[in-house]
PDB file of N, CA and C in Angstrom:
ATOM      1  N   MET A   1      17.866 -47.119 104.393  1.00  0.00           N
ATOM      2  CA  MET A   1      18.418 -47.665 103.166  1.00  0.00           C
ATOM      3  C   MET A   1      19.730 -46.948 102.848  1.00  0.00           C
ATOM      4  N   ALA A   2      20.716 -47.706 102.443  1.00  0.00           N
ATOM      5  CA  ALA A   2      22.038 -47.145 102.146  1.00  0.00           C
ATOM      6  C   ALA A   2      22.002 -46.380 100.825  1.00  0.00           C
ATOM      7  N   TYR A   3      22.801 -45.335 100.788  1.00  0.00           N
ATOM      8  CA  TYR A   3      22.953 -44.578  99.560  1.00  0.00           C
ATOM      9  C   TYR A   3      24.420 -44.210  99.405  1.00  0.00           C
ATOM     10  N   ALA A   4      24.783 -43.819  98.183  1.00  0.00           N
ATOM     11  CA  ALA A   4      26.164 -43.449  97.902  1.00  0.00           C
ATOM     12  C   ALA A   4      26.179 -42.395  96.805  1.00  0.00           C
ATOM     13  N   VAL A   5      27.271 -41.657  96.748  1.00  0.00           N
ATOM     14  CA  VAL A   5      27.506 -40.712  95.660  1.00  0.00           C
ATOM     15  C   VAL A   5      28.705 -41.239  94.881  1.00  0.00           C
ATOM     16  N   ILE A   6      28.466 -41.578  93.602  1.00  0.00           N
ATOM     17  CA  ILE A   6      29.533 -42.121  92.763  1.00  0.00           C
ATOM     18  C   ILE A   6      29.909 -41.090  91.706  1.00  0.00           C
ATOM     19  N   LYS A   7      31.111 -41.253  91.163  1.00  0.00           N
ATOM     20  CA  LYS A   7      31.583 -40.362  90.111  1.00  0.00           C
ATOM     21  C   LYS A   7      31.912 -41.203  88.887  1.00  0.00           C
ATOM     22  N   THR A   8      31.287 -40.881  87.764  1.00  0.00           N
ATOM     23  CA  THR A   8      31.569 -41.554  86.504  1.00  0.00           C
ATOM     24  C   THR A   8      31.242 -40.611  85.353  1.00  0.00           C
ATOM     25  N   GLY A   9      32.054 -40.637  84.335  1.00  0.00           N
ATOM     26  CA  GLY A   9      31.819 -39.800  83.167  1.00  0.00           C
ATOM     27  C   GLY A   9      31.916 -38.318  83.458  1.00  0.00           C
ATOM     28  N   GLY A  10      32.689 -37.932  84.490  1.00  0.00           N
ATOM     29  CA  GLY A  10      32.835 -36.526  84.827  1.00  0.00           C
ATOM     30  C   GLY A  10      31.654 -35.950  85.579  1.00  0.00           C
ATOM     31  N   LYS A  11      30.717 -36.793  85.993  1.00  0.00           N
ATOM     32  CA  LYS A  11      29.532 -36.343  86.715  1.00  0.00           C
ATOM     33  C   LYS A  11      29.394 -37.135  88.004  1.00  0.00           C
ATOM     34  N   GLN A  12      28.585 -36.621  88.926  1.00  0.00           N
ATOM     35  CA  GLN A  12      28.351 -37.294  90.196  1.00  0.00           C
ATOM     36  C   GLN A  12      26.880 -37.679  90.283  1.00  0.00           C
ATOM     37  N   TYR A  13      26.614 -38.871  90.820  1.00  0.00           N
ATOM     38  CA  TYR A  13      25.253 -39.391  90.915  1.00  0.00           C
ATOM     39  C   TYR A  13      25.000 -39.918  92.321  1.00  0.00           C
ATOM     40  N   ARG A  14      23.838 -39.600  92.888  1.00  0.00           N
ATOM     41  CA  ARG A  14      23.419 -40.172  94.170  1.00  0.00           C
ATOM     42  C   ARG A  14      22.591 -41.403  93.845  1.00  0.00           C
ATOM     43  N   VAL A  15      23.002 -42.563  94.365  1.00  0.00           N
ATOM     44  CA  VAL A  15      22.357 -43.823  94.008  1.00  0.00           C
ATOM     45  C   VAL A  15      21.967 -44.605  95.255  1.00  0.00           C
ATOM     46  N   GLN A  16      20.925 -45.420  95.114  1.00  0.00           N
ATOM     47  CA  GLN A  16      20.497 -46.382  96.117  1.00  0.00           C
ATOM     48  C   GLN A  16      20.348 -47.722  95.429  1.00  0.00           C
ATOM     49  N   GLN A  17      20.244 -48.777  96.218  1.00  0.00           N
ATOM     50  CA  GLN A  17      20.063 -50.096  95.633  1.00  0.00           C
ATOM     51  C   GLN A  17      18.722 -50.143  94.913  1.00  0.00           C
ATOM     52  N   GLY A  18      18.730 -50.669  93.688  1.00  0.00           N
ATOM     53  CA  GLY A  18      17.521 -50.762  92.881  1.00  0.00           C
ATOM     54  C   GLY A  18      17.317 -49.601  91.929  1.00  0.00           C
ATOM     55  N   ASP A  19      18.102 -48.526  92.061  1.00  0.00           N
ATOM     56  CA  ASP A  19      17.977 -47.376  91.165  1.00  0.00           C
ATOM     57  C   ASP A  19      18.408 -47.739  89.753  1.00  0.00           C
ATOM     58  N   LYS A  20      17.746 -47.114  88.766  1.00  0.00           N
ATOM     59  CA  LYS A  20      18.157 -47.217  87.375  1.00  0.00           C
ATOM     60  C   LYS A  20      18.550 -45.819  86.934  1.00  0.00           C
ATOM     61  N   LEU A  21      19.721 -45.693  86.328  1.00  0.00           N
ATOM     62  CA  LEU A  21      20.167 -44.384  85.887  1.00  0.00           C
ATOM     63  C   LEU A  21      20.916 -44.498  84.574  1.00  0.00           C
ATOM     64  N   ASP A  22      20.924 -43.379  83.839  1.00  0.00           N
ATOM     65  CA  ASP A  22      21.613 -43.287  82.562  1.00  0.00           C
ATOM     66  C   ASP A  22      22.884 -42.481  82.761  1.00  0.00           C
ATOM     67  N   VAL A  23      24.026 -43.062  82.376  1.00  0.00           N
ATOM     68  CA  VAL A  23      25.323 -42.401  82.515  1.00  0.00           C
ATOM     69  C   VAL A  23      25.994 -42.348  81.151  1.00  0.00           C
ATOM     70  N   GLU A  24      27.068 -41.556  81.055  1.00  0.00           N
ATOM     71  CA  GLU A  24      27.849 -41.515  79.822  1.00  0.00           C
ATOM     72  C   GLU A  24      28.319 -42.927  79.483  1.00  0.00           C
ATOM     73  N   LYS A  25      28.483 -43.208  78.199  1.00  0.00           N
ATOM     74  CA  LYS A  25      28.758 -44.572  77.746  1.00  0.00           C
ATOM     75  C   LYS A  25      29.950 -45.200  78.459  1.00  0.00           C
ATOM     76  N   LEU A  26      29.728 -46.424  78.963  1.00  0.00           N
ATOM     77  CA  LEU A  26      30.778 -47.222  79.580  1.00  0.00           C
ATOM     78  C   LEU A  26      31.075 -48.404  78.676  1.00  0.00           C
ATOM     79  N   ASP A  27      32.330 -48.809  78.624  1.00  0.00           N
ATOM     80  CA  ASP A  27      32.743 -49.908  77.760  1.00  0.00           C
ATOM     81  C   ASP A  27      32.461 -51.231  78.464  1.00  0.00           C
ATOM     82  N   ALA A  28      31.220 -51.710  78.350  1.00  0.00           N
ATOM     83  CA  ALA A  28      30.811 -52.945  79.018  1.00  0.00           C
ATOM     84  C   ALA A  28      29.688 -53.594  78.213  1.00  0.00           C
ATOM     85  N   GLU A  29      29.628 -54.912  78.286  1.00  0.00           N
ATOM     86  CA  GLU A  29      28.586 -55.665  77.588  1.00  0.00           C
ATOM     87  C   GLU A  29      27.271 -55.586  78.367  1.00  0.00           C
ATOM     88  N   VAL A  30      26.165 -55.755  77.649  1.00  0.00           N
ATOM     89  CA  VAL A  30      24.854 -55.802  78.288  1.00  0.00           C
ATOM     90  C   VAL A  30      24.778 -57.044  79.179  1.00  0.00           C
ATOM     91  N   ASP A  31      24.149 -56.930  80.343  1.00  0.00           N
ATOM     92  CA  ASP A  31      24.001 -57.965  81.373  1.00  0.00           C
ATOM     93  C   ASP A  31      25.301 -58.254  82.131  1.00  0.00           C
ATOM     94  N   SER A  32      26.327 -57.434  81.950  1.00  0.00           N
ATOM     95  CA  SER A  32      27.550 -57.628  82.727  1.00  0.00           C
ATOM     96  C   SER A  32      27.493 -56.768  83.995  1.00  0.00           C
ATOM     97  N   GLU A  33      28.394 -57.055  84.934  1.00  0.00           N
ATOM     98  CA  GLU A  33      28.462 -56.322  86.197  1.00  0.00           C
ATOM     99  C   GLU A  33      29.618 -55.327  86.134  1.00  0.00           C
ATOM    100  N   ILE A  34      29.395 -54.134  86.679  1.00  0.00           N
ATOM    101  CA  ILE A  34      30.425 -53.107  86.764  1.00  0.00           C
ATOM    102  C   ILE A  34      30.567 -52.715  88.232  1.00  0.00           C
ATOM    103  N   THR A  35      31.808 -52.538  88.678  1.00  0.00           N
ATOM    104  CA  THR A  35      32.063 -52.095  90.041  1.00  0.00           C
ATOM    105  C   THR A  35      32.692 -50.715  90.002  1.00  0.00           C
ATOM    106  N   PHE A  36      32.078 -49.771  90.699  1.00  0.00           N
ATOM    107  CA  PHE A  36      32.606 -48.419  90.817  1.00  0.00           C
ATOM    108  C   PHE A  36      33.406 -48.328  92.104  1.00  0.00           C
ATOM    109  N   ASP A  37      34.660 -47.867  91.990  1.00  0.00           N
ATOM    110  CA  ASP A  37      35.521 -47.748  93.154  1.00  0.00           C
ATOM    111  C   ASP A  37      35.680 -46.300  93.609  1.00  0.00           C
ATOM    112  N   GLU A  38      35.318 -45.348  92.755  1.00  0.00           N
ATOM    113  CA  GLU A  38      35.443 -43.940  93.120  1.00  0.00           C
ATOM    114  C   GLU A  38      34.137 -43.474  93.777  1.00  0.00           C
ATOM    115  N   ILE A  39      34.026 -43.760  95.070  1.00  0.00           N
ATOM    116  CA  ILE A  39      32.833 -43.442  95.849  1.00  0.00           C
ATOM    117  C   ILE A  39      33.151 -42.217  96.699  1.00  0.00           C
ATOM    118  N   LEU A  40      32.388 -41.142  96.518  1.00  0.00           N
ATOM    119  CA  LEU A  40      32.670 -39.896  97.207  1.00  0.00           C
ATOM    120  C   LEU A  40      32.012 -39.821  98.577  1.00  0.00           C
ATOM    121  N   LEU A  41      30.893 -40.530  98.757  1.00  0.00           N
ATOM    122  CA  LEU A  41      30.152 -40.474 100.011  1.00  0.00           C
ATOM    123  C   LEU A  41      29.329 -41.731 100.155  1.00  0.00           C
ATOM    124  N   VAL A  42      29.258 -42.267 101.378  1.00  0.00           N
ATOM    125  CA  VAL A  42      28.403 -43.413 101.668  1.00  0.00           C
ATOM    126  C   VAL A  42      27.614 -43.079 102.921  1.00  0.00           C
ATOM    127  N   GLY A  43      26.308 -43.287 102.868  1.00  0.00           N
ATOM    128  CA  GLY A  43      25.475 -42.994 104.025  1.00  0.00           C
ATOM    129  C   GLY A  43      24.450 -44.073 104.253  1.00  0.00           C
ATOM    130  N   GLU A  44      24.163 -44.317 105.534  1.00  0.00           N
ATOM    131  CA  GLU A  44      23.107 -45.257 105.896  1.00  0.00           C
ATOM    132  C   GLU A  44      22.534 -44.793 107.233  1.00  0.00           C
ATOM    133  N   GLY A  45      21.272 -44.369 107.210  1.00  0.00           N
ATOM    134  CA  GLY A  45      20.665 -43.840 108.426  1.00  0.00           C
ATOM    135  C   GLY A  45      21.334 -42.543 108.845  1.00  0.00           C
ATOM    136  N   ASP A  46      21.817 -42.503 110.095  1.00  0.00           N
ATOM    137  CA  ASP A  46      22.481 -41.303 110.603  1.00  0.00           C
ATOM    138  C   ASP A  46      23.976 -41.286 110.338  1.00  0.00           C
ATOM    139  N   SER A  47      24.561 -42.436 109.979  1.00  0.00           N
ATOM    140  CA  SER A  47      26.003 -42.482 109.758  1.00  0.00           C
ATOM    141  C   SER A  47      26.329 -42.138 108.302  1.00  0.00           C
ATOM    142  N   VAL A  48      27.248 -41.197 108.136  1.00  0.00           N
ATOM    143  CA  VAL A  48      27.668 -40.767 106.801  1.00  0.00           C
ATOM    144  C   VAL A  48      29.187 -40.763 106.765  1.00  0.00           C
ATOM    145  N   LYS A  49      29.762 -41.412 105.744  1.00  0.00           N
ATOM    146  CA  LYS A  49      31.210 -41.399 105.542  1.00  0.00           C
ATOM    147  C   LYS A  49      31.500 -40.536 104.321  1.00  0.00           C
ATOM    148  N   ILE A  50      32.315 -39.523 104.511  1.00  0.00           N
ATOM    149  CA  ILE A  50      32.688 -38.631 103.420  1.00  0.00           C
ATOM    150  C   ILE A  50      34.147 -38.876 103.082  1.00  0.00           C
ATOM    151  N   GLY A  51      34.425 -39.089 101.820  1.00  0.00           N
ATOM    152  CA  GLY A  51      35.793 -39.375 101.389  1.00  0.00           C
ATOM    153  C   GLY A  51      36.590 -38.120 101.129  1.00  0.00           C
ATOM    154  N   SER A  52      37.893 -38.284 101.147  1.00  0.00           N
ATOM    155  CA  SER A  52      38.762 -37.164 100.788  1.00  0.00           C
ATOM    156  C   SER A  52      39.916 -37.678  99.927  1.00  0.00           C
ATOM    157  N   PRO A  53      39.805 -37.852  98.653  1.00  0.00           N
ATOM    158  CA  PRO A  53      38.642 -37.570  97.815  1.00  0.00           C
ATOM    159  C   PRO A  53      37.641 -38.712  97.715  1.00  0.00           C
ATOM    160  N   SER A  54      38.022 -39.954  98.043  1.00  0.00           N
ATOM    161  CA  SER A  54      37.060 -41.053  97.953  1.00  0.00           C
ATOM    162  C   SER A  54      37.103 -41.875  99.230  1.00  0.00           C
ATOM    163  N   VAL A  55      36.010 -42.612  99.478  1.00  0.00           N
ATOM    164  CA  VAL A  55      35.888 -43.426 100.677  1.00  0.00           C
ATOM    165  C   VAL A  55      36.684 -44.711 100.475  1.00  0.00           C
ATOM    166  N   ALA A  56      37.603 -45.002 101.377  1.00  0.00           N
ATOM    167  CA  ALA A  56      38.446 -46.193 101.261  1.00  0.00           C
ATOM    168  C   ALA A  56      37.619 -47.442 101.538  1.00  0.00           C
ATOM    169  N   GLY A  57      37.745 -48.441 100.679  1.00  0.00           N
ATOM    170  CA  GLY A  57      37.064 -49.717 100.870  1.00  0.00           C
ATOM    171  C   GLY A  57      35.618 -49.746 100.435  1.00  0.00           C
ATOM    172  N   ALA A  58      35.086 -48.651  99.956  1.00  0.00           N
ATOM    173  CA  ALA A  58      33.681 -48.614  99.520  1.00  0.00           C
ATOM    174  C   ALA A  58      33.589 -48.956  98.035  1.00  0.00           C
ATOM    175  N   SER A  59      32.494 -49.602  97.666  1.00  0.00           N
ATOM    176  CA  SER A  59      32.269 -49.915  96.254  1.00  0.00           C
ATOM    177  C   SER A  59      30.779 -50.003  95.981  1.00  0.00           C
ATOM    178  N   VAL A  60      30.435 -49.745  94.739  1.00  0.00           N
ATOM    179  CA  VAL A  60      29.054 -49.856  94.273  1.00  0.00           C
ATOM    180  C   VAL A  60      29.060 -50.772  93.066  1.00  0.00           C
ATOM    181  N   THR A  61      28.175 -51.766  93.074  1.00  0.00           N
ATOM    182  CA  THR A  61      28.078 -52.714  91.971  1.00  0.00           C
ATOM    183  C   THR A  61      26.793 -52.435  91.193  1.00  0.00           C
ATOM    184  N   ALA A  62      26.916 -52.435  89.866  1.00  0.00           N
ATOM    185  CA  ALA A  62      25.768 -52.159  89.013  1.00  0.00           C
ATOM    186  C   ALA A  62      25.736 -53.149  87.856  1.00  0.00           C
ATOM    187  N   LYS A  63      24.539 -53.418  87.370  1.00  0.00           N
ATOM    188  CA  LYS A  63      24.339 -54.294  86.212  1.00  0.00           C
ATOM    189  C   LYS A  63      24.028 -53.423  85.006  1.00  0.00           C
ATOM    190  N   VAL A  64      24.665 -53.717  83.856  1.00  0.00           N
ATOM    191  CA  VAL A  64      24.412 -52.969  82.626  1.00  0.00           C
ATOM    192  C   VAL A  64      23.119 -53.492  82.015  1.00  0.00           C
ATOM    193  N   VAL A  65      22.115 -52.613  81.932  1.00  0.00           N
ATOM    194  CA  VAL A  65      20.808 -53.004  81.388  1.00  0.00           C
ATOM    195  C   VAL A  65      20.804 -52.843  79.869  1.00  0.00           C
ATOM    196  N   SER A  66      21.322 -51.702  79.368  1.00  0.00           N
ATOM    197  CA  SER A  66      21.332 -51.486  77.925  1.00  0.00           C
ATOM    198  C   SER A  66      22.332 -50.405  77.546  1.00  0.00           C
ATOM    199  N   GLN A  67      22.716 -50.414  76.272  1.00  0.00           N
ATOM    200  CA  GLN A  67      23.527 -49.368  75.658  1.00  0.00           C
ATOM    201  C   GLN A  67      22.635 -48.698  74.629  1.00  0.00           C
ATOM    202  N   PHE A  68      22.513 -47.379  74.652  1.00  0.00           N
ATOM    203  CA  PHE A  68      21.607 -46.714  73.727  1.00  0.00           C
ATOM    204  C   PHE A  68      22.073 -45.282  73.476  1.00  0.00           C
ATOM    205  N   ARG A  69      21.403 -44.628  72.546  1.00  0.00           N
ATOM    206  CA  ARG A  69      21.673 -43.226  72.245  1.00  0.00           C
ATOM    207  C   ARG A  69      20.530 -42.388  72.784  1.00  0.00           C
ATOM    208  N   GLY A  70      20.894 -41.287  73.400  1.00  0.00           N
ATOM    209  CA  GLY A  70      19.915 -40.420  74.052  1.00  0.00           C
ATOM    210  C   GLY A  70      19.085 -39.633  73.049  1.00  0.00           C
ATOM    211  N   PRO A  71      18.232 -38.763  73.566  1.00  0.00           N
ATOM    212  CA  PRO A  71      17.389 -37.957  72.679  1.00  0.00           C
ATOM    213  C   PRO A  71      18.209 -36.930  71.897  1.00  0.00           C
ATOM    214  N   LYS A  72      17.653 -36.476  70.809  1.00  0.00           N
ATOM    215  CA  LYS A  72      18.343 -35.531  69.953  1.00  0.00           C
ATOM    216  C   LYS A  72      18.464 -34.187  70.657  1.00  0.00           C
ATOM    217  N   GLY A  73      19.652 -33.606  70.573  1.00  0.00           N
ATOM    218  CA  GLY A  73      19.892 -32.268  71.109  1.00  0.00           C
ATOM    219  C   GLY A  73      20.300 -31.353  69.974  1.00  0.00           C
ATOM    220  N   VAL A  74      20.136 -30.061  70.169  1.00  0.00           N
ATOM    221  CA  VAL A  74      20.455 -29.103  69.121  1.00  0.00           C
ATOM    222  C   VAL A  74      21.439 -28.083  69.660  1.00  0.00           C
ATOM    223  N   ALA A  75      22.536 -27.871  68.927  1.00  0.00           N
ATOM    224  CA  ALA A  75      23.490 -26.808  69.239  1.00  0.00           C
ATOM    225  C   ALA A  75      23.293 -25.734  68.170  1.00  0.00           C
ATOM    226  N   PHE A  76      22.859 -24.558  68.581  1.00  0.00           N
ATOM    227  CA  PHE A  76      22.551 -23.474  67.652  1.00  0.00           C
ATOM    228  C   PHE A  76      23.495 -22.311  67.909  1.00  0.00           C
ATOM    229  N   LYS A  77      24.219 -21.891  66.862  1.00  0.00           N
ATOM    230  CA  LYS A  77      25.126 -20.757  66.979  1.00  0.00           C
ATOM    231  C   LYS A  77      24.560 -19.602  66.167  1.00  0.00           C
ATOM    232  N   PHE A  78      24.686 -18.393  66.712  1.00  0.00           N
ATOM    233  CA  PHE A  78      24.055 -17.234  66.108  1.00  0.00           C
ATOM    234  C   PHE A  78      24.852 -15.986  66.454  1.00  0.00           C
ATOM    235  N   LYS A  79      25.112 -15.160  65.440  1.00  0.00           N
ATOM    236  CA  LYS A  79      25.733 -13.862  65.684  1.00  0.00           C
ATOM    237  C   LYS A  79      24.802 -12.792  65.139  1.00  0.00           C
ATOM    238  N   ARG A  80      24.382 -11.924  66.025  1.00  0.00           N
ATOM    239  CA  ARG A  80      23.381 -10.946  65.617  1.00  0.00           C
ATOM    240  C   ARG A  80      23.941  -9.947  64.614  1.00  0.00           C
ATOM    241  N   ARG A  81      23.075  -9.504  63.740  1.00  0.00           N
ATOM    242  CA  ARG A  81      23.365  -8.492  62.725  1.00  0.00           C
ATOM    243  C   ARG A  81      24.411  -8.918  61.699  1.00  0.00           C
ATOM    244  N   LYS A  82      24.826 -10.166  61.696  1.00  0.00           N
ATOM    245  CA  LYS A  82      25.851 -10.627  60.750  1.00  0.00           C
ATOM    246  C   LYS A  82      25.292 -11.619  59.739  1.00  0.00           C
ATOM    247  N   GLY A  83      24.077 -12.059  59.935  1.00  0.00           N
ATOM    248  CA  GLY A  83      23.493 -13.046  59.034  1.00  0.00           C
ATOM    249  C   GLY A  83      24.056 -14.442  59.246  1.00  0.00           C
ATOM    250  N   PHE A  84      24.714 -14.661  60.377  1.00  0.00           N
ATOM    251  CA  PHE A  84      25.332 -15.957  60.645  1.00  0.00           C
ATOM    252  C   PHE A  84      24.479 -16.752  61.622  1.00  0.00           C
ATOM    253  N   HIS A  85      24.105 -17.937  61.207  1.00  0.00           N
ATOM    254  CA  HIS A  85      23.485 -18.892  62.124  1.00  0.00           C
ATOM    255  C   HIS A  85      23.769 -20.285  61.623  1.00  0.00           C
ATOM    256  N   LYS A  86      24.061 -21.175  62.556  1.00  0.00           N
ATOM    257  CA  LYS A  86      24.440 -22.537  62.216  1.00  0.00           C
ATOM    258  C   LYS A  86      23.785 -23.477  63.216  1.00  0.00           C
ATOM    259  N   THR A  87      23.208 -24.534  62.718  1.00  0.00           N
ATOM    260  CA  THR A  87      22.543 -25.518  63.567  1.00  0.00           C
ATOM    261  C   THR A  87      23.198 -26.870  63.355  1.00  0.00           C
ATOM    262  N   ILE A  88      23.473 -27.547  64.456  1.00  0.00           N
ATOM    263  CA  ILE A  88      24.003 -28.909  64.374  1.00  0.00           C
ATOM    264  C   ILE A  88      23.300 -29.738  65.441  1.00  0.00           C
ATOM    265  N   GLY A  89      22.973 -30.965  65.100  1.00  0.00           N
ATOM    266  CA  GLY A  89      22.302 -31.859  66.040  1.00  0.00           C
ATOM    267  C   GLY A  89      23.258 -32.917  66.548  1.00  0.00           C
ATOM    268  N   PHE A  90      22.920 -33.494  67.702  1.00  0.00           N
ATOM    269  CA  PHE A  90      23.757 -34.541  68.277  1.00  0.00           C
ATOM    270  C   PHE A  90      22.901 -35.474  69.116  1.00  0.00           C
ATOM    271  N   ARG A  91      23.400 -36.675  69.320  1.00  0.00           N
ATOM    272  CA  ARG A  91      22.780 -37.645  70.219  1.00  0.00           C
ATOM    273  C   ARG A  91      23.892 -38.281  71.042  1.00  0.00           C
ATOM    274  N   ARG A  92      23.784 -38.196  72.356  1.00  0.00           N
ATOM    275  CA  ARG A  92      24.815 -38.747  73.231  1.00  0.00           C
ATOM    276  C   ARG A  92      24.677 -40.263  73.331  1.00  0.00           C
ATOM    277  N   ALA A  93      25.809 -40.948  73.440  1.00  0.00           N
ATOM    278  CA  ALA A  93      25.829 -42.388  73.687  1.00  0.00           C
ATOM    279  C   ALA A  93      25.729 -42.585  75.200  1.00  0.00           C
ATOM    280  N   LEU A  94      24.755 -43.376  75.642  1.00  0.00           N
ATOM    281  CA  LEU A  94      24.481 -43.566  77.064  1.00  0.00           C
ATOM    282  C   LEU A  94      24.459 -45.043  77.436  1.00  0.00           C
ATOM    283  N   THR A  95      24.635 -45.311  78.709  1.00  0.00           N
ATOM    284  CA  THR A  95      24.531 -46.659  79.270  1.00  0.00           C
ATOM    285  C   THR A  95      23.524 -46.610  80.402  1.00  0.00           C
ATOM    286  N   ARG A  96      22.537 -47.518  80.379  1.00  0.00           N
ATOM    287  CA  ARG A  96      21.560 -47.597  81.469  1.00  0.00           C
ATOM    288  C   ARG A  96      22.043 -48.643  82.467  1.00  0.00           C
ATOM    289  N   LEU A  97      22.136 -48.248  83.739  1.00  0.00           N
ATOM    290  CA  LEU A  97      22.612 -49.110  84.805  1.00  0.00           C
ATOM    291  C   LEU A  97      21.516 -49.352  85.829  1.00  0.00           C
ATOM    292  N   GLU A  98      21.566 -50.524  86.471  1.00  0.00           N
ATOM    293  CA  GLU A  98      20.720 -50.808  87.616  1.00  0.00           C
ATOM    294  C   GLU A  98      21.654 -51.129  88.793  1.00  0.00           C
ATOM    295  N   ILE A  99      21.524 -50.374  89.874  1.00  0.00           N
ATOM    296  CA  ILE A  99      22.394 -50.541  91.041  1.00  0.00           C
ATOM    297  C   ILE A  99      21.970 -51.792  91.797  1.00  0.00           C
ATOM    298  N   THR A 100      22.915 -52.716  91.986  1.00  0.00           N
ATOM    299  CA  THR A 100      22.600 -53.985  92.651  1.00  0.00           C
ATOM    300  C   THR A 100      23.048 -54.002  94.108  1.00  0.00           C
ATOM    301  N   SER A 101      24.179 -53.380  94.443  1.00  0.00           N
ATOM    302  CA  SER A 101      24.610 -53.389  95.846  1.00  0.00           C
ATOM    303  C   SER A 101      25.533 -52.218  96.150  1.00  0.00           C
ATOM    304  N   ILE A 102      25.524 -51.815  97.417  1.00  0.00           N
ATOM    305  CA  ILE A 102      26.401 -50.770  97.929  1.00  0.00           C
ATOM    306  C   ILE A 102      27.137 -51.344  99.124  1.00  0.00           C
ATOM    307  N   ALA A 103      28.462 -51.332  99.058  1.00  0.00           N
ATOM    308  CA  ALA A 103      29.279 -51.853 100.155  1.00  0.00           C
ATOM    309  C   ALA A 103      30.199 -50.758 100.659  1.00  0.00           C
ATOM    310  N   GLY A 104      30.320 -50.652 101.970  1.00  0.00           N
ATOM    311  CA  GLY A 104      31.257 -49.676 102.503  1.00  0.00           C
ATOM    312  C   GLY A 104      30.685 -48.961 103.645  1.00  0.00           C
TER     313      GLY A 104
END
């Protein structure tokens, strides 16, 4: 089965066809198709193509399943012996993708 390493949102993900993954928010409608052109590696069986920095002619197509906000996270700041502590919460905006095809 073919696999690829894509780069999006400042992170790298190893994907195969049929995978579902959550990435940093992408500006796309639900049920639309997205094509990733920045493919760092493509492999199938024993053959592996490594890009420098990306593989020429390779692409990964994904379907946008949903746009949502991730779980609550806590950023806690503390300075010992000073009586200072501050808590702030956050929720990241995420996009759930389903990989439909890998070409290259």
